[in-house]
Amino acid sequence: MGVESVARLLDTFGHAFCVFDAQDRAVLWNDTFLVFFPEHDGLIHPGEHYSENLRRFYTGRLPQEEQVHLERYVADGVQRNRLPTQPFVFEHHGRWLKVMAVPDAAGGRIRMWQEIPREQASAQAGVPLMRLAAMEYGALLSQAEEGAALLDSQMRILDVNDAFMALYRIRDKAGLLGRSYCTVIEDWWQAAAVTADAAGLAVPSPLDSELGVPVDIPLPDGRWVQVSTHWSVDHEVLYSLHWDISDSKQAELALRQAEQRVRSSESRLIEVTDSLLSEKRRADQSEQRLQIAFGNAGIAIVVASPHGVVLDANDAALQLLGHAVSDLRGMLLSQLFEPEVSARLRLVGGAGSGTVAHLETVFRHADGTVRHGQLIAAGASAVKHPVARTVLYLIDITDKKNSDLARERAMEALRNEALHDVLTGLGNRRYLDAALRDLTSGSHALLYIDLDGFKAVNDRVGHAYGDTVLRQIADLFRQATRSSDAVARVGGDEFVVVARDCSRSQALVVAGKLIASLQGHRFELAGSAYSLGASIGIRLCDNGCGNEPASQLLADADQACYRAKRSGKNRAVVWEAEIA
């Protein structure tokens, strides 16, 4: 059965159906699709990009105050169409629709909608029915590899993903939905509080932390999770991300316990060290006992001279460093540790008995790898033979360091993705808002850029070539602006430059460079060459940009851009309050 036959068959069942290819372009749809979504009737056509479909959809749905976020909704929707999502329910033109999307064999996506009764919609949602924007955030939960939860403004749980259920070993998802997030966290906190106190850890309450600040939380079974909770951009919902950090916490706990044992008996440690060295020199009386105690110690121990020469090491140290004892003896501490650390260790050894230093360092394994360690160094000397020595106690903390670094890189990648346009790599609207908020004083300029001639080129050569043009334009704008300026893409062919520390005359110079960069470039597409221009509206901020709403600044600059386009294009116009 062909795709067209499937479309007609679904019409008989009252199911809407639309197919998109691997480039997010419309291929085929049935009559029921136009019944459910009348805004597309007579407008949708084969080859139309999914973004145009979404733009019509959201233009009719979003209230006036949210229209400024239209392009963000469109960009997020295109991204979701490329990723696997769970079915969800939403209301449109008085109908309750259940939607699902599946990939096809050619790399495209098939989206299907089924109308269901409102009572069934409530039952399937499992929580009070939400606006479509919130449901779309919920559909994104399945994309997160880590545990993720969606919350309403009252901190009630709206939805969680499978990774969240697995992390917390929860079988009954329905038992979570609708409950207060704070109540659930408090239940876990109370169950784990005794264990945390007994371990000697000062664990902060997650309810005392600000949103966006990662919080480490103990679970009743001895595991630890790190939770980071954030508002969505439109402050409609909150989402929280959950990582299992049990391994790094266990390493941290072991390190703290080792430090506590050493610090609580520091004087005893010095006495034992002196005794070990003294007994070692009196081999005729206690050589066997000393070697047993030294060799069987559970912690890596290295003995060095005041000049930083390794004299001896126990079995734990040999295993940790990867050397045979014959190779390690006579080796310099500078061959194992960083120069600053080895110099510090020589000072400890030279100071003699009673000196203790705690250091975090890196050390070299025999195979050439570099590892991280917690180092406790004690100066000591024998009783009858007062020759200074340095005794080193080394704990491997490499796994904890690597875990912390990987988690930080993952967080940085998420933050970067949230602030940048997927197509061009420029900043997005969220990036632009942040850049404006930072400019609380001084003179700056916001340049709103609308490309001249792009739509005609895009319609002639197609969206794939159009995307290539947008990426080239992004590179041109990067080269035409200063390193201190912020460049963002805020619409299909609309860009914004925030020029820092910029007067009126300087802003016009920046605008001239942007226009010249386009006029001086020929876009080679599908065997033909094209030229583009730009109309630019300039909004000056004499007392900082962060003191006015970003939406108002953009509206003023857009108005000036409109006047530039009406005046003949390829020019810049400065917004004036009296003209507006």
Protein backbone atom coordinates (compact mmCIF):
# COMPACT_ATOMS: atom_id res chain seq x y z
CA MET A 1 0.00 0.00 0.00
CA GLY A 2 1.46 3.40 -1.02
CA VAL A 3 1.64 6.49 1.15
CA GLU A 4 -1.28 8.10 -0.71
CA SER A 5 -3.45 5.07 0.02
CA VAL A 6 -2.50 5.22 3.70
CA ALA A 7 -3.49 8.91 3.76
CA ARG A 8 -6.93 8.14 2.27
CA LEU A 9 -7.41 5.20 4.63
CA LEU A 10 -6.65 7.40 7.65
CA ASP A 11 -9.25 9.91 6.36
CA THR A 12 -11.91 7.19 6.73
CA PHE A 13 -10.90 6.79 10.39
CA GLY A 14 -10.83 10.55 11.00
CA HIS A 15 -7.08 10.59 11.64
CA ALA A 16 -4.93 13.49 10.38
CA PHE A 17 -1.68 12.62 8.60
CA CYS A 18 1.31 14.63 7.31
CA VAL A 19 4.70 13.44 5.97
CA PHE A 20 7.95 15.47 6.06
CA ASP A 21 11.20 14.54 4.31
CA ALA A 22 14.70 14.45 5.85
CA GLN A 23 15.07 18.23 5.22
CA ASP A 24 11.82 18.98 7.18
CA ARG A 25 9.85 19.75 3.99
CA ALA A 26 6.18 18.82 3.54
CA VAL A 27 5.62 15.85 1.21
CA LEU A 28 2.00 14.69 1.65
CA TRP A 29 -1.03 15.32 3.89
CA ASN A 30 -4.65 14.13 3.97
CA ASP A 31 -8.00 15.96 4.11
CA THR A 32 -8.42 15.40 7.87
CA PHE A 33 -5.17 17.33 8.44
CA LEU A 34 -6.80 20.43 6.91
CA VAL A 35 -9.96 19.86 9.02
CA PHE A 36 -7.92 19.79 12.26
CA PHE A 37 -5.63 22.63 11.13
CA PRO A 38 -7.70 24.96 8.89
CA GLU A 39 -4.97 27.62 9.06
CA HIS A 40 -2.99 25.56 6.50
CA ASP A 41 -5.85 25.16 3.99
CA GLY A 42 -4.77 26.59 0.64
CA LEU A 43 -1.32 27.55 1.95
CA ILE A 44 0.61 24.35 2.62
CA HIS A 45 2.34 22.94 -0.46
CA PRO A 46 4.85 20.18 -1.27
CA GLY A 47 8.38 21.32 -0.47
CA GLU A 48 7.24 23.87 2.14
CA HIS A 49 9.59 23.87 5.14
CA TYR A 50 8.12 22.76 8.47
CA SER A 51 9.04 26.16 9.95
CA GLU A 52 6.40 27.87 7.74
CA ASN A 53 3.83 25.32 8.92
CA LEU A 54 4.70 26.07 12.56
CA ARG A 55 4.70 29.84 11.98
CA ARG A 56 1.06 29.74 10.83
CA PHE A 57 0.17 27.39 13.68
CA TYR A 58 1.65 29.57 16.43
CA THR A 59 0.55 32.90 14.94
CA GLY A 60 -3.05 31.87 15.57
CA ARG A 61 -2.38 30.32 18.99
CA LEU A 62 -0.07 32.67 20.86
CA PRO A 63 -1.55 35.63 22.79
CA GLN A 64 -0.36 39.08 21.79
CA GLU A 65 2.18 39.34 24.61
CA GLU A 66 3.87 36.10 23.48
CA GLN A 67 4.04 36.93 19.76
CA VAL A 68 7.54 38.34 20.37
CA HIS A 69 8.64 34.73 21.13
CA LEU A 70 7.16 33.37 17.86
CA GLU A 71 10.50 32.54 16.20
CA ARG A 72 11.75 30.74 19.32
CA TYR A 73 8.60 28.54 19.31
CA VAL A 74 9.17 27.83 15.59
CA ALA A 75 12.86 26.97 16.05
CA ASP A 76 12.09 24.69 19.01
CA GLY A 77 9.33 22.97 17.02
CA VAL A 78 11.64 22.26 14.07
CA GLN A 79 14.22 20.79 16.45
CA ARG A 80 11.58 18.55 18.08
CA ASN A 81 10.45 17.26 14.67
CA ARG A 82 13.96 15.81 14.17
CA LEU A 83 14.03 13.98 17.51
CA PRO A 84 12.00 11.10 19.00
CA THR A 85 9.17 12.29 21.26
CA GLN A 86 6.43 10.67 23.33
CA PRO A 87 2.75 11.13 22.27
CA PHE A 88 0.97 13.99 24.03
CA VAL A 89 -2.48 15.64 24.11
CA PHE A 90 -3.35 19.28 23.37
CA GLU A 91 -6.36 21.43 22.44
CA HIS A 92 -6.66 23.21 19.07
CA HIS A 93 -9.73 25.07 17.74
CA GLY A 94 -11.93 23.37 20.33
CA ARG A 95 -10.70 19.85 19.49
CA TRP A 96 -8.63 17.67 21.84
CA LEU A 97 -5.92 16.04 19.73
CA LYS A 98 -3.44 13.29 20.51
CA VAL A 99 -0.27 13.60 18.39
CA MET A 100 2.60 11.24 17.74
CA ALA A 101 5.59 11.34 15.36
CA VAL A 102 7.60 8.41 13.95
CA PRO A 103 10.60 8.27 11.56
CA ASP A 104 10.21 6.80 8.09
CA ALA A 105 12.70 4.69 6.14
CA ALA A 106 13.98 7.67 4.12
CA GLY A 107 15.01 9.67 7.19
CA GLY A 108 11.91 11.87 7.28
CA ARG A 109 9.12 12.10 9.88
CA ILE A 110 5.46 11.07 9.82
CA ARG A 111 3.14 12.99 12.18
CA MET A 112 -0.39 11.72 13.00
CA TRP A 113 -3.21 13.32 15.01
CA GLN A 114 -6.28 11.65 16.52
CA GLU A 115 -9.26 13.55 17.95
CA ILE A 116 -10.25 12.23 21.40
CA PRO A 117 -13.02 13.20 23.88
CA ARG A 118 -12.07 15.79 26.50
CA GLU A 119 -12.64 13.23 29.29
CA GLN A 120 -10.18 10.85 27.64
CA ALA A 121 -7.75 13.74 27.15
CA SER A 122 -7.82 14.45 30.89
CA ALA A 123 -7.23 10.78 31.72
CA GLN A 124 -4.31 10.47 29.31
CA ALA A 125 -2.67 13.65 30.51
CA GLY A 126 -2.60 12.29 34.08
CA VAL A 127 -2.41 15.85 35.44
CA PRO A 128 -4.52 19.03 35.01
CA LEU A 129 -4.57 19.84 31.28
CA MET A 130 -1.78 22.22 30.31
CA ARG A 131 -1.22 24.76 27.58
CA LEU A 132 0.45 23.46 24.44
CA ALA A 133 3.76 25.21 25.29
CA ALA A 134 4.04 23.23 28.52
CA MET A 135 3.12 19.97 26.78
CA GLU A 136 5.84 20.63 24.21
CA TYR A 137 8.41 20.98 26.98
CA GLY A 138 7.11 17.70 28.38
CA ALA A 139 7.57 15.99 25.02
CA LEU A 140 11.23 17.02 25.12
CA LEU A 141 11.79 15.00 28.31
CA SER A 142 12.38 11.87 26.25
CA GLN A 143 15.38 13.54 24.55
CA ALA A 144 17.33 13.95 27.80
CA GLU A 145 19.78 11.16 28.62
CA GLU A 146 19.80 12.19 32.28
CA GLY A 147 16.76 12.08 34.57
CA ALA A 148 14.37 14.96 33.86
CA ALA A 149 11.13 16.21 35.43
CA LEU A 150 8.62 18.86 34.34
CA LEU A 151 6.94 21.02 37.02
CA ASP A 152 4.16 23.61 37.02
CA SER A 153 4.49 27.04 38.63
CA GLN A 154 3.30 25.56 41.96
CA MET A 155 6.16 23.00 41.89
CA ARG A 156 3.76 20.12 41.15
CA ILE A 157 5.14 17.29 39.02
CA LEU A 158 3.62 17.30 35.51
CA ASP A 159 5.74 14.61 33.87
CA VAL A 160 9.02 12.68 34.23
CA ASN A 161 11.07 10.68 31.71
CA ASP A 162 12.16 7.03 31.88
CA ALA A 163 15.68 7.99 33.01
CA PHE A 164 14.13 9.78 36.02
CA MET A 165 12.09 6.66 36.90
CA ALA A 166 15.18 4.44 36.60
CA LEU A 167 17.36 6.82 38.63
CA TYR A 168 14.94 6.89 41.56
CA ARG A 169 13.83 3.26 41.04
CA ILE A 170 10.17 4.27 40.84
CA ARG A 171 7.69 1.91 39.24
CA ASP A 172 4.44 3.85 39.68
CA LYS A 173 4.69 7.00 37.57
CA ALA A 174 1.05 7.88 38.21
CA GLY A 175 1.81 8.10 41.93
CA LEU A 176 4.21 10.99 41.26
CA LEU A 177 2.11 13.10 38.90
CA GLY A 178 0.35 16.00 40.57
CA ARG A 179 2.37 15.71 43.79
CA SER A 180 4.36 18.61 45.15
CA TYR A 181 7.97 18.39 43.99
CA CYS A 182 9.09 19.80 47.35
CA THR A 183 7.14 17.10 49.21
CA VAL A 184 8.78 14.34 47.18
CA ILE A 185 12.26 15.81 47.79
CA GLU A 186 11.52 16.22 51.52
CA ASP A 187 10.45 12.56 51.74
CA TRP A 188 13.78 11.45 50.21
CA TRP A 189 15.65 13.97 52.40
CA GLN A 190 14.05 12.73 55.64
CA ALA A 191 14.71 9.09 54.73
CA ALA A 192 18.39 9.84 54.05
CA ALA A 193 19.10 12.39 56.81
CA VAL A 194 20.30 9.88 59.41
CA THR A 195 22.63 8.19 56.92
CA ALA A 196 24.11 11.54 55.84
CA ASP A 197 24.70 12.67 59.43
CA ALA A 198 26.28 9.36 60.36
CA ALA A 199 28.68 9.73 57.44
CA GLY A 200 29.81 13.10 58.78
CA LEU A 201 28.65 15.10 55.73
CA ALA A 202 27.15 18.57 55.86
CA VAL A 203 24.46 18.23 53.16
CA PRO A 204 22.52 21.39 52.17
CA SER A 205 18.73 21.24 51.95
CA PRO A 206 17.64 21.49 48.29
CA LEU A 207 14.71 23.69 49.34
CA ASP A 208 17.13 26.41 50.53
CA SER A 209 18.92 26.68 47.16
CA GLU A 210 18.16 29.15 44.38
CA LEU A 211 16.79 27.86 41.07
CA GLY A 212 19.58 27.02 38.63
CA VAL A 213 22.08 26.17 41.39
CA PRO A 214 23.03 22.45 41.40
CA VAL A 215 22.19 20.70 44.70
CA ASP A 216 23.60 17.35 45.91
CA ILE A 217 20.88 15.19 47.52
CA PRO A 218 21.34 11.85 49.38
CA LEU A 219 18.90 9.00 48.72
CA PRO A 220 17.82 6.36 51.28
CA ASP A 221 19.78 3.56 49.56
CA GLY A 222 23.13 5.34 49.96
CA ARG A 223 23.21 6.81 46.46
CA TRP A 224 23.57 10.52 45.69
CA VAL A 225 22.00 12.63 42.94
CA GLN A 226 22.69 16.18 41.79
CA VAL A 227 19.61 18.23 40.88
CA SER A 228 19.47 21.47 38.87
CA THR A 229 16.04 23.18 38.50
CA HIS A 230 15.30 25.97 36.00
CA TRP A 231 12.40 28.08 34.72
CA SER A 232 11.48 27.73 31.07
CA VAL A 233 12.14 30.86 29.02
CA ASP A 234 8.44 31.90 29.16
CA HIS A 235 8.17 31.07 32.90
CA GLU A 236 5.26 28.73 32.13
CA VAL A 237 6.90 25.60 33.57
CA LEU A 238 10.00 24.50 35.45
CA TYR A 239 12.25 21.64 34.43
CA SER A 240 14.79 19.84 36.59
CA LEU A 241 17.73 17.65 35.52
CA HIS A 242 19.02 14.81 37.72
CA TRP A 243 22.45 13.10 37.60
CA ASP A 244 23.69 10.09 39.57
CA ILE A 245 26.88 11.31 41.30
CA SER A 246 27.21 8.34 43.66
CA ASP A 247 30.69 7.37 42.41
CA SER A 248 32.17 10.84 42.88
CA LYS A 249 30.43 11.20 46.27
CA GLN A 250 31.78 7.86 47.47
CA ALA A 251 35.27 8.92 46.40
CA GLU A 252 34.76 12.25 48.16
CA LEU A 253 33.50 10.47 51.28
CA ALA A 254 36.49 8.12 51.30
CA LEU A 255 38.83 11.07 50.93
CA ARG A 256 37.16 13.01 53.74
CA GLN A 257 37.20 10.02 56.04
CA ALA A 258 40.89 9.51 55.30
CA GLU A 259 41.58 13.18 55.99
CA GLN A 260 39.60 13.05 59.23
CA ARG A 261 41.50 9.99 60.41
CA VAL A 262 44.81 11.68 59.64
CA ARG A 263 43.89 15.05 61.15
CA SER A 264 42.28 13.60 64.27
CA SER A 265 45.49 11.74 65.06
CA GLU A 266 48.12 14.01 63.51
CA SER A 267 50.35 13.90 66.55
CA ARG A 268 50.00 10.13 66.65
CA LEU A 269 50.87 9.98 62.93
CA ILE A 270 54.12 11.85 63.59
CA GLU A 271 54.97 9.52 66.47
CA VAL A 272 54.23 6.44 64.36
CA THR A 273 56.30 7.85 61.48
CA ASP A 274 59.26 8.52 63.81
CA SER A 275 58.85 5.07 65.28
CA LEU A 276 58.78 3.43 61.84
CA LEU A 277 62.00 5.12 60.78
CA SER A 278 63.69 4.42 64.11
CA GLU A 279 62.70 0.77 64.02
CA LYS A 280 63.85 0.53 60.41
CA ARG A 281 67.37 1.60 61.45
CA ARG A 282 67.32 -0.95 64.26
CA ALA A 283 66.76 -3.85 61.91
CA ASP A 284 68.38 -6.29 64.31
CA GLN A 285 65.45 -5.78 66.75
CA SER A 286 62.31 -5.15 64.69
CA GLU A 287 63.01 -5.42 60.93
CA GLN A 288 60.37 -8.07 60.41
CA ARG A 289 57.64 -6.21 62.33
CA LEU A 290 58.42 -2.94 60.53
CA GLN A 291 58.31 -4.48 57.07
CA ILE A 292 54.98 -6.15 57.80
CA ALA A 293 53.43 -2.91 59.10
CA PHE A 294 54.94 -0.80 56.32
CA GLY A 295 54.22 -3.22 53.49
CA ASN A 296 50.66 -4.13 54.51
CA ALA A 297 49.40 -0.58 55.12
CA GLY A 298 46.17 0.01 53.17
CA ILE A 299 47.31 3.47 52.03
CA ALA A 300 50.18 4.23 49.61
CA ILE A 301 53.30 5.31 51.57
CA VAL A 302 56.53 6.70 50.06
CA VAL A 303 59.63 7.62 52.11
CA ALA A 304 61.98 10.26 50.64
CA SER A 305 65.14 12.08 51.68
CA PRO A 306 65.21 15.85 52.40
CA HIS A 307 66.66 16.31 48.90
CA GLY A 308 63.63 14.66 47.28
CA VAL A 309 65.12 11.20 46.56
CA VAL A 310 62.79 8.21 47.02
CA LEU A 311 64.19 5.81 49.63
CA ASP A 312 61.39 3.28 49.96
CA ALA A 313 57.72 2.59 49.15
CA ASN A 314 55.16 0.04 50.31
CA ASP A 315 53.14 -2.36 48.14
CA ALA A 316 50.14 0.00 47.91
CA ALA A 317 52.42 2.78 46.58
CA LEU A 318 54.04 0.45 44.03
CA GLN A 319 50.61 -0.58 42.74
CA LEU A 320 49.35 3.02 42.62
CA LEU A 321 52.45 4.38 40.83
CA GLY A 322 52.99 1.31 38.60
CA HIS A 323 56.73 1.00 39.39
CA ALA A 324 58.80 -1.87 40.74
CA VAL A 325 60.48 -1.05 44.05
CA SER A 326 63.92 -1.30 42.41
CA ASP A 327 62.93 1.36 39.86
CA LEU A 328 61.28 3.63 42.41
CA ARG A 329 64.21 3.72 44.85
CA GLY A 330 66.58 6.49 43.83
CA MET A 331 63.95 8.25 41.71
CA LEU A 332 63.43 11.99 42.31
CA LEU A 333 60.10 13.26 43.62
CA SER A 334 60.16 15.74 40.71
CA GLN A 335 59.83 12.73 38.38
CA LEU A 336 56.57 11.80 40.09
CA PHE A 337 55.04 15.17 41.02
CA GLU A 338 54.85 18.72 39.65
CA PRO A 339 57.91 20.95 40.36
CA GLU A 340 56.02 23.17 42.82
CA VAL A 341 54.80 20.14 44.77
CA SER A 342 58.20 18.41 44.90
CA ALA A 343 59.79 21.67 46.14
CA ARG A 344 57.15 21.90 48.88
CA LEU A 345 57.82 18.29 49.89
CA ARG A 346 61.56 18.99 50.24
CA LEU A 347 60.71 21.86 52.61
CA VAL A 348 58.54 19.54 54.71
CA GLY A 349 61.33 16.96 54.91
CA GLY A 350 63.92 19.58 55.79
CA ALA A 351 61.76 20.95 58.61
CA GLY A 352 61.92 17.61 60.39
CA SER A 353 59.52 15.92 62.78
CA GLY A 354 56.22 17.64 63.52
CA THR A 355 55.62 19.25 60.11
CA VAL A 356 52.54 18.10 58.15
CA ALA A 357 51.26 19.41 54.77
CA HIS A 358 48.05 18.58 52.89
CA LEU A 359 48.26 18.99 49.09
CA GLU A 360 46.16 18.18 46.04
CA THR A 361 48.39 17.31 43.10
CA VAL A 362 48.83 15.29 39.93
CA PHE A 363 51.28 12.39 39.71
CA ARG A 364 52.72 10.31 36.87
CA HIS A 365 52.01 6.60 36.56
CA ALA A 366 54.69 4.34 35.09
CA ASP A 367 52.61 3.96 31.91
CA GLY A 368 52.89 7.72 31.30
CA THR A 369 49.35 8.66 32.30
CA VAL A 370 48.76 11.57 34.66
CA ARG A 371 46.46 10.97 37.63
CA HIS A 372 45.07 13.15 40.43
CA GLY A 373 45.96 12.57 44.07
CA GLN A 374 45.42 13.85 47.61
CA LEU A 375 48.85 14.02 49.28
CA ILE A 376 49.63 14.17 53.00
CA ALA A 377 53.32 14.79 53.73
CA ALA A 378 54.87 14.45 57.20
CA GLY A 379 58.41 15.42 58.18
CA ALA A 380 60.06 12.87 60.49
CA SER A 381 63.40 11.73 61.92
CA ALA A 382 64.61 8.65 63.78
CA VAL A 383 65.12 8.86 67.52
CA LYS A 384 68.76 7.67 67.70
CA HIS A 385 69.72 8.76 64.21
CA PRO A 386 68.19 12.22 63.68
CA VAL A 387 68.26 12.23 59.88
CA ALA A 388 65.31 14.13 58.38
CA ARG A 389 62.90 12.23 56.15
CA THR A 390 59.65 12.96 54.33
CA VAL A 391 56.86 10.38 54.59
CA LEU A 392 54.18 10.74 51.89
CA TYR A 393 50.66 9.30 52.12
CA LEU A 394 49.02 9.30 48.64
CA ILE A 395 45.29 8.79 47.86
CA ASP A 396 44.09 8.43 44.22
CA ILE A 397 41.17 10.81 43.47
CA THR A 398 41.33 10.58 39.64
CA ASP A 399 37.85 9.09 39.20
CA LYS A 400 36.27 11.87 41.25
CA LYS A 401 38.12 14.54 39.27
CA ASN A 402 37.11 13.01 35.92
CA SER A 403 33.48 12.70 37.02
CA ASP A 404 33.37 16.34 38.13
CA LEU A 405 34.97 17.47 34.84
CA ALA A 406 32.57 15.43 32.67
CA ARG A 407 29.56 16.80 34.55
CA GLU A 408 30.81 20.39 34.14
CA ARG A 409 31.39 19.89 30.40
CA ALA A 410 27.89 18.46 29.98
CA MET A 411 26.38 21.43 31.80
CA GLU A 412 28.42 23.85 29.67
CA ALA A 413 27.25 22.12 26.48
CA LEU A 414 23.60 22.42 27.59
CA ARG A 415 24.06 26.09 28.45
CA ASN A 416 25.74 26.79 25.09
CA GLU A 417 23.04 24.96 23.11
CA ALA A 418 20.31 26.91 24.90
CA LEU A 419 21.88 30.25 23.87
CA HIS A 420 22.78 29.65 20.20
CA ASP A 421 21.01 29.28 16.87
CA VAL A 422 21.35 25.72 15.52
CA LEU A 423 21.68 26.74 11.85
CA THR A 424 24.23 29.60 12.02
CA GLY A 425 25.95 29.17 15.38
CA LEU A 426 25.14 32.80 16.22
CA GLY A 427 23.43 33.74 19.45
CA ASN A 428 19.65 33.28 19.66
CA ARG A 429 16.96 35.42 21.34
CA ARG A 430 17.87 34.13 24.81
CA TYR A 431 21.53 35.05 24.15
CA LEU A 432 20.44 38.50 22.96
CA ASP A 433 18.29 39.12 26.06
CA ALA A 434 21.22 38.20 28.32
CA ALA A 435 23.60 40.48 26.40
CA LEU A 436 21.20 43.43 26.78
CA ARG A 437 20.63 42.79 30.50
CA ASP A 438 24.38 43.00 31.12
CA LEU A 439 24.60 46.54 29.68
CA THR A 440 23.31 48.52 32.69
CA SER A 441 25.24 51.72 31.97
CA GLY A 442 27.11 53.51 29.18
CA SER A 443 26.22 54.24 25.55
CA HIS A 444 25.43 51.30 23.30
CA ALA A 445 23.53 50.57 20.08
CA LEU A 446 21.15 47.84 18.96
CA LEU A 447 21.15 47.23 15.16
CA TYR A 448 18.15 45.35 13.73
CA ILE A 449 19.06 43.86 10.31
CA ASP A 450 16.49 42.66 7.74
CA LEU A 451 18.01 41.13 4.59
CA ASP A 452 16.99 42.68 1.25
CA GLY A 453 16.34 40.18 -1.54
CA PHE A 454 16.74 37.00 0.53
CA LYS A 455 13.16 35.77 0.09
CA ALA A 456 13.42 35.90 -3.71
CA VAL A 457 16.69 33.94 -3.64
CA ASN A 458 15.27 31.44 -1.15
CA ASP A 459 12.14 30.87 -3.26
CA ARG A 460 14.23 30.45 -6.43
CA VAL A 461 16.95 28.05 -5.22
CA GLY A 462 15.14 26.33 -2.33
CA HIS A 463 15.47 26.20 1.44
CA ALA A 464 18.60 24.03 1.46
CA TYR A 465 20.54 26.68 -0.48
CA GLY A 466 18.83 29.34 1.60
CA ASP A 467 20.27 27.78 4.75
CA THR A 468 23.72 27.87 3.10
CA VAL A 469 23.28 31.59 2.42
CA LEU A 470 22.28 32.26 6.04
CA ARG A 471 25.41 30.49 7.30
CA GLN A 472 27.60 32.54 4.94
CA ILE A 473 25.91 35.75 6.07
CA ALA A 474 26.55 34.81 9.70
CA ASP A 475 30.27 34.51 8.88
CA LEU A 476 30.25 37.88 7.09
CA PHE A 477 28.61 39.58 10.07
CA ARG A 478 31.13 38.04 12.48
CA GLN A 479 33.97 39.48 10.38
CA ALA A 480 32.31 42.90 10.02
CA THR A 481 31.74 43.42 13.77
CA ARG A 482 34.07 43.91 16.69
CA SER A 483 35.00 41.15 19.12
CA SER A 484 33.13 43.01 21.87
CA ASP A 485 29.87 43.10 19.86
CA ALA A 486 27.12 40.47 20.25
CA VAL A 487 25.63 39.03 17.03
CA ALA A 488 22.36 37.06 17.05
CA ARG A 489 19.83 35.61 14.62
CA VAL A 490 16.27 36.32 15.78
CA GLY A 491 14.18 35.27 12.77
CA GLY A 492 14.30 33.63 9.36
CA ASP A 493 16.36 36.39 7.71
CA GLU A 494 16.56 38.81 10.63
CA PHE A 495 19.70 39.48 12.67
CA VAL A 496 20.59 41.75 15.58
CA VAL A 497 23.96 43.25 16.56
CA VAL A 498 24.49 44.74 20.03
CA ALA A 499 27.38 47.19 19.65
CA ARG A 500 28.94 47.92 23.04
CA ASP A 501 30.35 51.35 23.97
CA CYS A 502 29.03 52.79 20.74
CA SER A 503 27.97 56.36 19.89
CA ARG A 504 25.50 57.36 17.18
CA SER A 505 28.25 58.01 14.62
CA GLN A 506 30.03 54.76 15.50
CA ALA A 507 26.76 52.83 15.16
CA LEU A 508 26.31 54.20 11.64
CA VAL A 509 29.86 53.08 10.82
CA VAL A 510 29.08 49.56 12.08
CA ALA A 511 25.88 49.52 10.00
CA GLY A 512 27.84 50.64 6.93
CA LYS A 513 30.32 47.79 7.39
CA LEU A 514 27.50 45.25 7.66
CA ILE A 515 25.82 46.51 4.47
CA ALA A 516 29.17 46.64 2.64
CA SER A 517 30.00 43.08 3.68
CA LEU A 518 26.84 41.88 1.90
CA GLN A 519 27.18 44.08 -1.19
CA GLY A 520 30.79 42.99 -1.67
CA HIS A 521 29.94 39.29 -1.59
CA ARG A 522 28.57 37.14 -4.42
CA PHE A 523 26.58 34.10 -3.33
CA GLU A 524 27.27 31.18 -5.71
CA LEU A 525 24.19 28.94 -5.63
CA ALA A 526 23.10 26.18 -8.03
CA GLY A 527 25.33 27.52 -10.81
CA SER A 528 24.19 31.13 -10.48
CA ALA A 529 25.48 34.15 -8.55
CA TYR A 530 23.26 36.34 -6.37
CA SER A 531 23.66 39.62 -4.49
CA LEU A 532 21.91 40.61 -1.28
CA GLY A 533 21.55 43.78 0.73
CA ALA A 534 20.29 44.80 4.14
CA SER A 535 18.03 47.41 5.73
CA ILE A 536 19.12 48.32 9.27
CA GLY A 537 17.27 50.02 12.11
CA ILE A 538 19.39 51.46 14.93
CA ARG A 539 18.14 51.92 18.51
CA LEU A 540 20.59 53.90 20.70
CA CYS A 541 20.83 53.25 24.47
CA ASP A 542 22.42 56.27 26.14
CA ASN A 543 22.06 54.95 29.72
CA GLY A 544 22.56 51.24 29.22
CA CYS A 545 20.28 48.71 27.52
CA GLY A 546 19.49 46.60 30.57
CA ASN A 547 17.18 49.24 32.06
CA GLU A 548 14.55 48.92 29.30
CA PRO A 549 12.58 45.83 28.22
CA ALA A 550 14.37 43.97 25.44
CA SER A 551 11.08 43.62 23.57
CA GLN A 552 10.68 47.41 23.47
CA LEU A 553 14.24 47.97 22.25
CA LEU A 554 13.69 45.42 19.47
CA ALA A 555 10.35 46.95 18.53
CA ASP A 556 11.93 50.42 18.23
CA ALA A 557 14.83 49.09 16.14
CA ASP A 558 12.41 47.10 13.97
CA GLN A 559 10.38 50.26 13.37
CA ALA A 560 13.53 52.11 12.24
CA CYS A 561 14.43 49.15 10.02
CA TYR A 562 11.00 49.37 8.39
CA ARG A 563 11.61 53.05 7.61
CA ALA A 564 15.00 52.15 6.10
CA LYS A 565 13.36 49.55 3.85
CA ARG A 566 10.63 52.01 2.82
CA SER A 567 13.30 54.61 2.03
CA GLY A 568 14.98 52.48 -0.61
CA LYS A 569 16.72 49.60 1.22
CA ASN A 570 20.48 49.05 1.68
CA ARG A 571 20.63 51.81 4.26
CA ALA A 572 20.45 52.43 8.01
CA VAL A 573 17.97 54.62 9.94
CA VAL A 574 18.33 55.67 13.59
CA TRP A 575 15.15 55.43 15.67
CA GLU A 576 13.97 58.78 17.05
CA ALA A 577 11.39 58.96 19.86
CA GLU A 578 9.67 62.04 18.44
CA ILE A 579 9.25 60.35 15.05
CA ALA A 580 7.93 57.17 16.61
